[in-house]
Structures are given as C-alpha cells and as structure tokens.
Amino acid sequence: MMKRTKCLFFIFFCIFFMTACQKKEPVELKPFENIKIKETGWNGSGEIEVTSH
C-alpha cells in the first residue's frame, strides 16, 4: 500500500513538474503604438489633443 502511494505521488509530481514549468514566450507590449498627438494653436496659445485606439 505504501509503495503504491509513493508511486502515485511520484507520477503526480512528474506530471505537475512537466506541465507547470514549461517555457512560455515573452509578451511584447507596445504602449505607444496607436497614440496620435494633434497640436493646434500659435504663439503660446496652443492645444494638444491625444487620441488612442
């Protein structure tokens, strides 16, 4: 009985280790990719409008 329990625990540990420790590809974030800046005005009286999608 004890041998069977140890064997099941070992199998469970191996399956957990193989699935939980897989290498995952890094995620690339581009926070400024879809930001558009529009400026209007002249000589000190300007406005900036920022839009993003």
N, C-alpha and C. Protein backbone atom coordinates (compact mmCIF):
# COMPACT_ATOMS: atom_id res chain seq x y z
N MET A 1 0.83 -1.20 0.00
CA MET A 1 0.00 0.00 0.00
C MET A 1 0.87 1.27 0.00
N MET A 2 1.91 1.28 0.82
CA MET A 2 2.78 2.45 0.91
C MET A 2 3.56 2.65 -0.39
N LYS A 3 3.97 1.53 -1.02
CA LYS A 3 4.68 1.63 -2.29
C LYS A 3 3.80 2.22 -3.37
N ARG A 4 2.55 1.85 -3.38
CA ARG A 4 1.60 2.34 -4.37
C ARG A 4 1.36 3.84 -4.17
N THR A 5 1.23 4.27 -2.94
CA THR A 5 1.03 5.69 -2.64
C THR A 5 2.24 6.51 -3.08
N LYS A 6 3.43 6.01 -2.80
CA LYS A 6 4.64 6.72 -3.22
C LYS A 6 4.74 6.79 -4.74
N CYS A 7 4.37 5.72 -5.39
CA CYS A 7 4.42 5.69 -6.85
C CYS A 7 3.42 6.68 -7.44
N LEU A 8 2.21 6.72 -6.92
CA LEU A 8 1.21 7.67 -7.41
C LEU A 8 1.64 9.11 -7.15
N PHE A 9 2.21 9.36 -5.97
CA PHE A 9 2.69 10.71 -5.66
C PHE A 9 3.81 11.11 -6.62
N PHE A 10 4.72 10.18 -6.91
CA PHE A 10 5.82 10.46 -7.83
C PHE A 10 5.30 10.76 -9.23
N ILE A 11 4.34 9.99 -9.69
CA ILE A 11 3.75 10.22 -11.02
C ILE A 11 3.05 11.57 -11.07
N PHE A 12 2.28 11.89 -10.03
CA PHE A 12 1.61 13.19 -9.97
C PHE A 12 2.62 14.33 -9.98
N PHE A 13 3.70 14.18 -9.21
CA PHE A 13 4.74 15.21 -9.14
C PHE A 13 5.39 15.40 -10.51
N CYS A 14 5.68 14.31 -11.21
CA CYS A 14 6.30 14.41 -12.53
C CYS A 14 5.39 15.11 -13.54
N ILE A 15 4.12 14.75 -13.53
CA ILE A 15 3.17 15.39 -14.46
C ILE A 15 3.04 16.88 -14.13
N PHE A 16 2.94 17.21 -12.85
CA PHE A 16 2.85 18.61 -12.44
C PHE A 16 4.09 19.38 -12.86
N PHE A 17 5.26 18.80 -12.64
CA PHE A 17 6.52 19.47 -12.97
C PHE A 17 6.65 19.70 -14.47
N MET A 18 6.23 18.74 -15.27
CA MET A 18 6.35 18.86 -16.72
C MET A 18 5.38 19.88 -17.29
N THR A 19 4.20 20.04 -16.70
CA THR A 19 3.22 20.98 -17.24
C THR A 19 3.36 22.37 -16.65
N ALA A 20 3.74 22.50 -15.40
CA ALA A 20 3.80 23.80 -14.74
C ALA A 20 5.08 24.56 -15.06
N CYS A 21 6.12 23.89 -15.47
CA CYS A 21 7.41 24.55 -15.69
C CYS A 21 7.75 24.68 -17.17
N GLN A 22 6.77 24.74 -18.01
CA GLN A 22 7.03 24.90 -19.43
C GLN A 22 7.49 26.33 -19.71
N LYS A 23 8.35 26.46 -20.69
CA LYS A 23 8.84 27.78 -21.07
C LYS A 23 7.75 28.49 -21.86
N LYS A 24 7.46 29.70 -21.49
CA LYS A 24 6.45 30.48 -22.19
C LYS A 24 7.14 31.63 -22.92
N GLU A 25 6.62 31.95 -24.08
CA GLU A 25 7.17 33.05 -24.87
C GLU A 25 6.85 34.38 -24.20
N PRO A 26 7.79 35.32 -24.19
CA PRO A 26 7.52 36.63 -23.60
C PRO A 26 6.49 37.41 -24.42
N VAL A 27 5.75 38.23 -23.74
CA VAL A 27 4.74 39.06 -24.39
C VAL A 27 5.35 40.43 -24.65
N GLU A 28 5.24 40.90 -25.89
CA GLU A 28 5.79 42.20 -26.24
C GLU A 28 4.69 43.25 -26.15
N LEU A 29 4.90 44.24 -25.31
CA LEU A 29 3.94 45.32 -25.15
C LEU A 29 4.44 46.57 -25.85
N LYS A 30 3.53 47.20 -26.59
CA LYS A 30 3.85 48.46 -27.27
C LYS A 30 2.83 49.50 -26.83
N PRO A 31 3.08 50.19 -25.73
CA PRO A 31 2.07 51.11 -25.19
C PRO A 31 1.82 52.35 -26.04
N PHE A 32 2.76 52.75 -26.88
CA PHE A 32 2.61 53.98 -27.66
C PHE A 32 2.36 53.69 -29.14
N GLU A 33 1.93 52.49 -29.47
CA GLU A 33 1.77 52.10 -30.87
C GLU A 33 0.61 52.83 -31.55
N ASN A 34 -0.52 52.98 -30.89
CA ASN A 34 -1.70 53.57 -31.53
C ASN A 34 -2.07 54.94 -30.97
N ILE A 35 -1.12 55.67 -30.46
CA ILE A 35 -1.39 57.01 -29.91
C ILE A 35 -1.08 58.06 -30.98
N LYS A 36 -2.02 58.96 -31.16
CA LYS A 36 -1.83 60.06 -32.12
C LYS A 36 -1.92 61.38 -31.35
N ILE A 37 -1.00 62.27 -31.65
CA ILE A 37 -0.96 63.58 -30.99
C ILE A 37 -1.22 64.65 -32.05
N LYS A 38 -2.19 65.51 -31.77
CA LYS A 38 -2.54 66.59 -32.70
C LYS A 38 -2.38 67.91 -31.95
N GLU A 39 -1.57 68.77 -32.50
CA GLU A 39 -1.36 70.07 -31.86
C GLU A 39 -1.94 71.17 -32.74
N THR A 40 -2.56 72.14 -32.08
CA THR A 40 -3.13 73.29 -32.78
C THR A 40 -2.77 74.55 -32.01
N GLY A 41 -2.87 75.67 -32.63
CA GLY A 41 -2.58 76.95 -31.98
C GLY A 41 -1.33 77.60 -32.52
N TRP A 42 -1.08 78.81 -31.98
CA TRP A 42 0.06 79.56 -32.47
C TRP A 42 0.53 80.54 -31.41
N ASN A 43 1.80 80.72 -31.25
CA ASN A 43 2.43 81.75 -30.43
C ASN A 43 1.96 81.71 -28.97
N GLY A 44 2.14 80.57 -28.33
CA GLY A 44 1.84 80.49 -26.91
C GLY A 44 0.41 80.11 -26.57
N SER A 45 -0.47 80.04 -27.53
CA SER A 45 -1.86 79.68 -27.23
C SER A 45 -2.19 78.35 -27.93
N GLY A 46 -1.40 77.35 -27.63
CA GLY A 46 -1.57 76.06 -28.30
C GLY A 46 -2.37 75.07 -27.48
N GLU A 47 -2.90 74.08 -28.16
CA GLU A 47 -3.62 72.98 -27.53
C GLU A 47 -3.10 71.67 -28.09
N ILE A 48 -3.09 70.66 -27.24
CA ILE A 48 -2.67 69.34 -27.67
C ILE A 48 -3.83 68.38 -27.43
N GLU A 49 -4.12 67.55 -28.43
CA GLU A 49 -5.16 66.55 -28.33
C GLU A 49 -4.51 65.18 -28.54
N VAL A 50 -4.69 64.30 -27.56
CA VAL A 50 -4.11 62.96 -27.62
C VAL A 50 -5.25 61.96 -27.82
N THR A 51 -5.14 61.13 -28.87
CA THR A 51 -6.17 60.10 -29.11
C THR A 51 -5.48 58.74 -29.19
N SER A 52 -6.17 57.73 -28.72
CA SER A 52 -5.64 56.37 -28.81
C SER A 52 -6.78 55.42 -29.15
N HIS A 53 -6.44 54.30 -29.68
CA HIS A 53 -7.44 53.32 -30.10
C HIS A 53 -7.41 52.15 -29.15
